[in-house]
Amino acid sequence: MAQTLNGHAASPTFTAPMLASEHFIHRGSMYTLIGGQNGDRTLGDFLQLRMGANGEAEIAYADSNNFDEPFAPHGMFVRQNHGNGLLVAHPHVDISGLTPKNTVSDPTGDGKYEVNGLSSANMPQLDITQSNVRQLTSAPCSNAAPCYQVVMKLNNLSLAPTTTQDPDLDLVWLTQWFVPSTTDPNGGKNFFVYAESFNGSAVQCFAGENAAQAVGGGVTLTYPGTTQLAPANCVVHTGGTPAR
């Protein structure tokens, strides 16, 4: 990362390049022509930089480190947390709380059915309040074959659908984690797990990797559960937490 505070001057000056992150954001070719004439353009079209309220850099970009990268990258956002700022009032950026972590929390009250401009009341059984992932080497995994455990916490897990607010009887709780990798041929994995219950039936758990489906002139992301987890690896505590 390099920065200039006088970019419009006749002879602008720049800071020495610094290592801002080792998270690479694109794997594969990068071109701007369309029509199948050469490589894809999933990076160059969607890289934007704005200034935040404290003079920090805020960058939105298309992250394409997965096998869907030619036409379905993920929209991502990063924010500068240290270094020189762009405002006189905030010459140095120092924003806490932006370190990477394996746990995320979400406020209650947003488990809603939203479609066609309408928003239902909150459905506690669909209101995910926390999700975390960790690597296990204990049973049913091992040091030789480690695996991931994903735990989701809900506002109040009930297997009964709320048909007055959402007519769909199929309840799904899904967590997706994005893992870049310098050794993966596609640049990383966009894996997910989900638990599913149809009309109050027993919960089943599945794992897979994000895919995409062409729809008209665009694409939509899909989440095919290609691997069903064994019951021992699909632990559910009704009234609280489903865990995979």
Protein backbone atom coordinates (compact mmCIF):
# COMPACT_ATOMS: atom_id res chain seq x y z
CA MET A 1 0.00 0.00 0.00
CA ALA A 2 1.31 3.46 -0.97
CA GLN A 3 -0.33 6.81 -0.22
CA THR A 4 -0.15 10.39 -1.51
CA LEU A 5 -1.52 13.52 0.11
CA ASN A 6 -0.86 15.75 -2.92
CA GLY A 7 -1.98 13.60 -5.81
CA HIS A 8 -3.11 16.62 -7.91
CA ALA A 9 0.22 18.43 -7.64
CA ALA A 10 2.52 18.77 -10.62
CA SER A 11 5.01 16.48 -8.88
CA PRO A 12 3.06 14.34 -6.35
CA THR A 13 4.92 12.44 -3.66
CA PHE A 14 4.10 8.99 -2.37
CA THR A 15 4.94 7.12 0.81
CA ALA A 16 7.16 4.09 0.55
CA PRO A 17 5.13 0.94 -0.19
CA MET A 18 4.07 -0.93 2.93
CA LEU A 19 2.67 -4.41 3.45
CA ALA A 20 -0.99 -3.82 4.24
CA SER A 21 -2.12 -7.44 3.93
CA GLU A 22 -1.03 -10.80 2.59
CA HIS A 23 -4.60 -11.63 1.63
CA PHE A 24 -4.45 -11.82 -2.17
CA ILE A 25 -7.79 -11.12 -3.84
CA HIS A 26 -7.61 -12.58 -7.33
CA ARG A 27 -6.41 -15.81 -8.93
CA GLY A 28 -6.19 -16.09 -12.69
CA SER A 29 -6.00 -13.79 -15.68
CA MET A 30 -7.18 -10.17 -15.60
CA TYR A 31 -8.37 -8.29 -18.67
CA THR A 32 -10.95 -5.63 -19.47
CA LEU A 33 -12.25 -6.71 -22.88
CA ILE A 34 -15.57 -8.55 -22.97
CA GLY A 35 -17.22 -10.95 -25.35
CA GLY A 36 -15.03 -13.97 -24.64
CA GLN A 37 -12.03 -12.37 -26.33
CA ASN A 38 -9.58 -13.15 -23.53
CA GLY A 39 -9.45 -13.62 -19.77
CA ASP A 40 -12.08 -12.60 -17.26
CA ARG A 41 -12.49 -9.15 -15.70
CA THR A 42 -13.67 -9.99 -12.19
CA LEU A 43 -11.10 -7.75 -10.49
CA GLY A 44 -10.55 -4.58 -12.51
CA ASP A 45 -14.19 -3.61 -12.95
CA PHE A 46 -15.08 -3.55 -9.29
CA LEU A 47 -12.17 -2.06 -7.32
CA GLN A 48 -13.25 1.16 -5.59
CA LEU A 49 -11.59 3.37 -2.97
CA ARG A 50 -13.32 5.90 -0.72
CA MET A 51 -12.31 7.92 2.34
CA GLY A 52 -13.88 6.99 5.66
CA ALA A 53 -15.05 9.33 8.43
CA ASN A 54 -11.63 9.26 10.12
CA GLY A 55 -9.61 9.79 6.95
CA GLU A 56 -9.00 6.08 6.52
CA ALA A 57 -9.11 4.18 3.24
CA GLU A 58 -12.23 2.10 2.60
CA ILE A 59 -11.91 -0.33 -0.29
CA ALA A 60 -14.62 -2.41 -1.96
CA TYR A 61 -13.56 -5.10 -4.39
CA ALA A 62 -14.51 -8.38 -6.03
CA ASP A 63 -12.70 -11.28 -4.34
CA SER A 64 -12.34 -14.17 -6.77
CA ASN A 65 -10.36 -16.79 -4.87
CA ASN A 66 -12.59 -19.76 -5.65
CA PHE A 67 -13.58 -21.91 -8.61
CA ASP A 68 -16.44 -19.55 -9.53
CA GLU A 69 -14.02 -16.67 -10.08
CA PRO A 70 -14.50 -16.17 -13.87
CA PHE A 71 -18.02 -14.80 -13.43
CA ALA A 72 -19.19 -14.87 -9.82
CA PRO A 73 -16.71 -13.24 -7.41
CA HIS A 74 -17.80 -12.14 -3.95
CA GLY A 75 -18.27 -8.50 -3.08
CA MET A 76 -15.88 -7.69 -0.20
CA PHE A 77 -15.01 -4.65 1.92
CA VAL A 78 -11.80 -3.76 3.80
CA ARG A 79 -10.97 -0.76 5.94
CA GLN A 80 -7.60 0.78 6.85
CA ASN A 81 -6.99 0.46 10.59
CA HIS A 82 -3.51 2.04 11.01
CA GLY A 83 -1.17 4.42 9.21
CA ASN A 84 -1.41 7.91 7.75
CA GLY A 85 -4.87 9.40 7.31
CA LEU A 86 -6.20 11.98 4.84
CA LEU A 87 -7.69 14.48 7.32
CA VAL A 88 -5.87 17.21 9.22
CA ALA A 89 -8.01 16.40 12.26
CA HIS A 90 -6.99 12.72 12.03
CA PRO A 91 -3.44 12.64 10.57
CA HIS A 92 -2.89 9.13 11.93
CA VAL A 93 -5.45 6.34 11.60
CA ASP A 94 -5.80 4.06 14.62
CA ILE A 95 -9.07 2.11 14.53
CA SER A 96 -9.41 -0.77 16.96
CA GLY A 97 -11.58 -3.83 16.61
CA LEU A 98 -10.69 -4.67 13.01
CA THR A 99 -8.46 -7.71 13.60
CA PRO A 100 -9.39 -10.96 11.83
CA LYS A 101 -11.24 -13.48 13.96
CA ASN A 102 -13.05 -16.79 13.61
CA THR A 103 -16.22 -15.67 15.39
CA VAL A 104 -18.84 -13.19 14.25
CA SER A 105 -21.90 -11.92 16.11
CA ASP A 106 -25.11 -10.44 14.75
CA PRO A 107 -27.75 -8.37 16.58
CA THR A 108 -31.09 -10.00 17.26
CA GLY A 109 -34.23 -9.00 15.43
CA ASP A 110 -33.27 -9.44 11.77
CA GLY A 111 -34.54 -12.96 11.07
CA LYS A 112 -37.11 -11.63 8.62
CA TYR A 113 -38.70 -12.68 5.37
CA GLU A 114 -37.98 -9.84 2.97
CA VAL A 115 -39.20 -9.93 -0.61
CA ASN A 116 -40.76 -7.54 -3.13
CA GLY A 117 -40.20 -4.54 -0.88
CA LEU A 118 -41.99 -6.12 2.09
CA SER A 119 -40.42 -7.10 5.43
CA SER A 120 -42.02 -9.47 7.94
CA ALA A 121 -41.71 -9.48 11.71
CA ASN A 122 -38.64 -11.17 13.18
CA MET A 123 -38.77 -14.99 13.34
CA PRO A 124 -36.60 -16.03 16.35
CA GLN A 125 -36.02 -19.53 14.98
CA LEU A 126 -34.32 -18.03 11.90
CA ASP A 127 -32.46 -15.25 13.72
CA ILE A 128 -28.76 -16.26 13.77
CA THR A 129 -26.93 -14.32 16.49
CA GLN A 130 -23.45 -15.87 16.32
CA SER A 131 -21.35 -18.16 14.17
CA ASN A 132 -17.83 -19.45 14.66
CA VAL A 133 -15.50 -21.93 13.01
CA ARG A 134 -12.46 -23.78 14.36
CA GLN A 135 -10.21 -26.61 13.31
CA LEU A 136 -10.44 -29.82 15.33
CA THR A 137 -7.92 -32.60 15.71
CA SER A 138 -9.92 -34.58 18.29
CA ALA A 139 -12.57 -37.22 17.51
CA PRO A 140 -14.25 -37.55 15.08
CA CYS A 141 -11.21 -35.84 13.51
CA SER A 142 -7.50 -36.48 14.12
CA ASN A 143 -4.07 -34.89 13.78
CA ALA A 144 -3.62 -36.74 10.50
CA ALA A 145 -7.06 -35.71 9.21
CA PRO A 146 -8.19 -32.48 10.89
CA CYS A 147 -11.62 -31.04 10.18
CA TYR A 148 -13.64 -27.90 10.79
CA GLN A 149 -16.38 -27.44 13.36
CA VAL A 150 -18.95 -24.71 12.74
CA VAL A 151 -21.31 -23.60 15.50
CA MET A 152 -24.30 -21.32 14.98
CA LYS A 153 -26.30 -19.75 17.80
CA LEU A 154 -29.89 -18.69 17.26
CA ASN A 155 -32.22 -16.31 19.02
CA ASN A 156 -34.47 -19.25 19.93
CA LEU A 157 -34.26 -22.43 17.88
CA SER A 158 -37.62 -23.94 17.09
CA LEU A 159 -38.23 -26.35 14.22
CA ALA A 160 -41.73 -25.01 13.60
CA PRO A 161 -41.98 -22.73 10.56
CA THR A 162 -43.82 -19.42 11.00
CA THR A 163 -46.11 -19.71 7.99
CA THR A 164 -47.94 -16.46 8.71
CA GLN A 165 -44.70 -14.61 7.96
CA ASP A 166 -42.95 -17.00 5.56
CA PRO A 167 -44.94 -19.58 3.57
CA ASP A 168 -41.85 -21.75 2.97
CA LEU A 169 -41.90 -24.83 5.22
CA ASP A 170 -38.20 -25.54 4.64
CA LEU A 171 -36.01 -23.97 7.36
CA VAL A 172 -32.29 -23.56 6.60
CA TRP A 173 -29.48 -22.16 8.77
CA LEU A 174 -26.29 -21.56 6.77
CA THR A 175 -22.78 -20.31 7.56
CA GLN A 176 -20.23 -19.57 4.85
CA TRP A 177 -16.51 -18.91 5.40
CA PHE A 178 -14.03 -17.69 2.82
CA VAL A 179 -10.50 -19.14 2.98
CA PRO A 180 -7.85 -17.82 0.53
CA SER A 181 -4.93 -20.16 -0.14
CA THR A 182 -1.67 -19.77 -2.04
CA THR A 183 -1.51 -23.53 -2.67
CA ASP A 184 -5.06 -24.12 -3.92
CA PRO A 185 -5.26 -24.11 -7.75
CA ASN A 186 -8.33 -21.84 -7.57
CA GLY A 187 -6.90 -19.51 -4.93
CA GLY A 188 -8.94 -20.81 -2.00
CA LYS A 189 -12.25 -22.26 -0.87
CA ASN A 190 -15.65 -20.67 -0.30
CA PHE A 191 -17.06 -23.41 1.85
CA PHE A 192 -20.30 -23.52 3.81
CA VAL A 193 -22.37 -25.75 6.06
CA TYR A 194 -26.08 -25.67 6.70
CA ALA A 195 -28.69 -27.35 8.84
CA GLU A 196 -32.12 -28.03 7.38
CA SER A 197 -35.51 -29.00 8.75
CA PHE A 198 -38.65 -29.42 6.63
CA ASN A 199 -41.92 -28.67 8.40
CA GLY A 200 -40.61 -29.57 11.85
CA SER A 201 -38.77 -32.77 10.86
CA ALA A 202 -35.42 -33.80 12.33
CA VAL A 203 -32.47 -31.58 11.44
CA GLN A 204 -30.04 -32.76 8.77
CA CYS A 205 -26.66 -31.13 8.08
CA PHE A 206 -24.82 -30.65 4.81
CA ALA A 207 -21.53 -29.19 3.60
CA GLY A 208 -20.40 -27.88 0.23
CA GLU A 209 -18.74 -25.06 -1.66
CA ASN A 210 -20.45 -22.03 -3.12
CA ALA A 211 -21.44 -22.33 -6.78
CA ALA A 212 -23.21 -20.11 -9.30
CA GLN A 213 -26.01 -20.43 -11.84
CA ALA A 214 -26.50 -18.32 -14.96
CA VAL A 215 -29.84 -16.46 -14.89
CA GLY A 216 -30.65 -14.32 -17.89
CA GLY A 217 -27.79 -11.92 -18.43
CA GLY A 218 -26.37 -12.39 -14.93
CA VAL A 219 -25.66 -15.02 -12.31
CA THR A 220 -26.94 -15.98 -8.90
CA LEU A 221 -24.94 -17.66 -6.16
CA THR A 222 -26.09 -21.12 -5.11
CA TYR A 223 -25.28 -23.33 -2.14
CA PRO A 224 -25.49 -27.03 -3.10
CA GLY A 225 -25.10 -29.35 -0.13
CA THR A 226 -22.90 -31.95 -1.81
CA THR A 227 -21.98 -33.84 1.38
CA GLN A 228 -24.43 -34.87 4.09
CA LEU A 229 -22.87 -35.02 7.54
CA ALA A 230 -23.27 -38.07 9.73
CA PRO A 231 -25.74 -37.65 12.63
CA ALA A 232 -22.83 -37.67 15.10
CA ASN A 233 -21.48 -34.58 13.33
CA CYS A 234 -24.82 -32.78 13.26
CA VAL A 235 -25.53 -31.82 16.87
CA VAL A 236 -28.62 -29.77 17.68
CA HIS A 237 -29.78 -28.24 20.95
CA THR A 238 -33.34 -27.05 20.47
CA GLY A 239 -33.99 -23.77 22.18
CA GLY A 240 -30.36 -22.85 21.63
CA THR A 241 -27.63 -23.88 19.24
CA PRO A 242 -27.31 -26.11 16.17
CA ALA A 243 -23.69 -27.19 15.71
CA ARG A 244 -21.84 -28.88 12.86
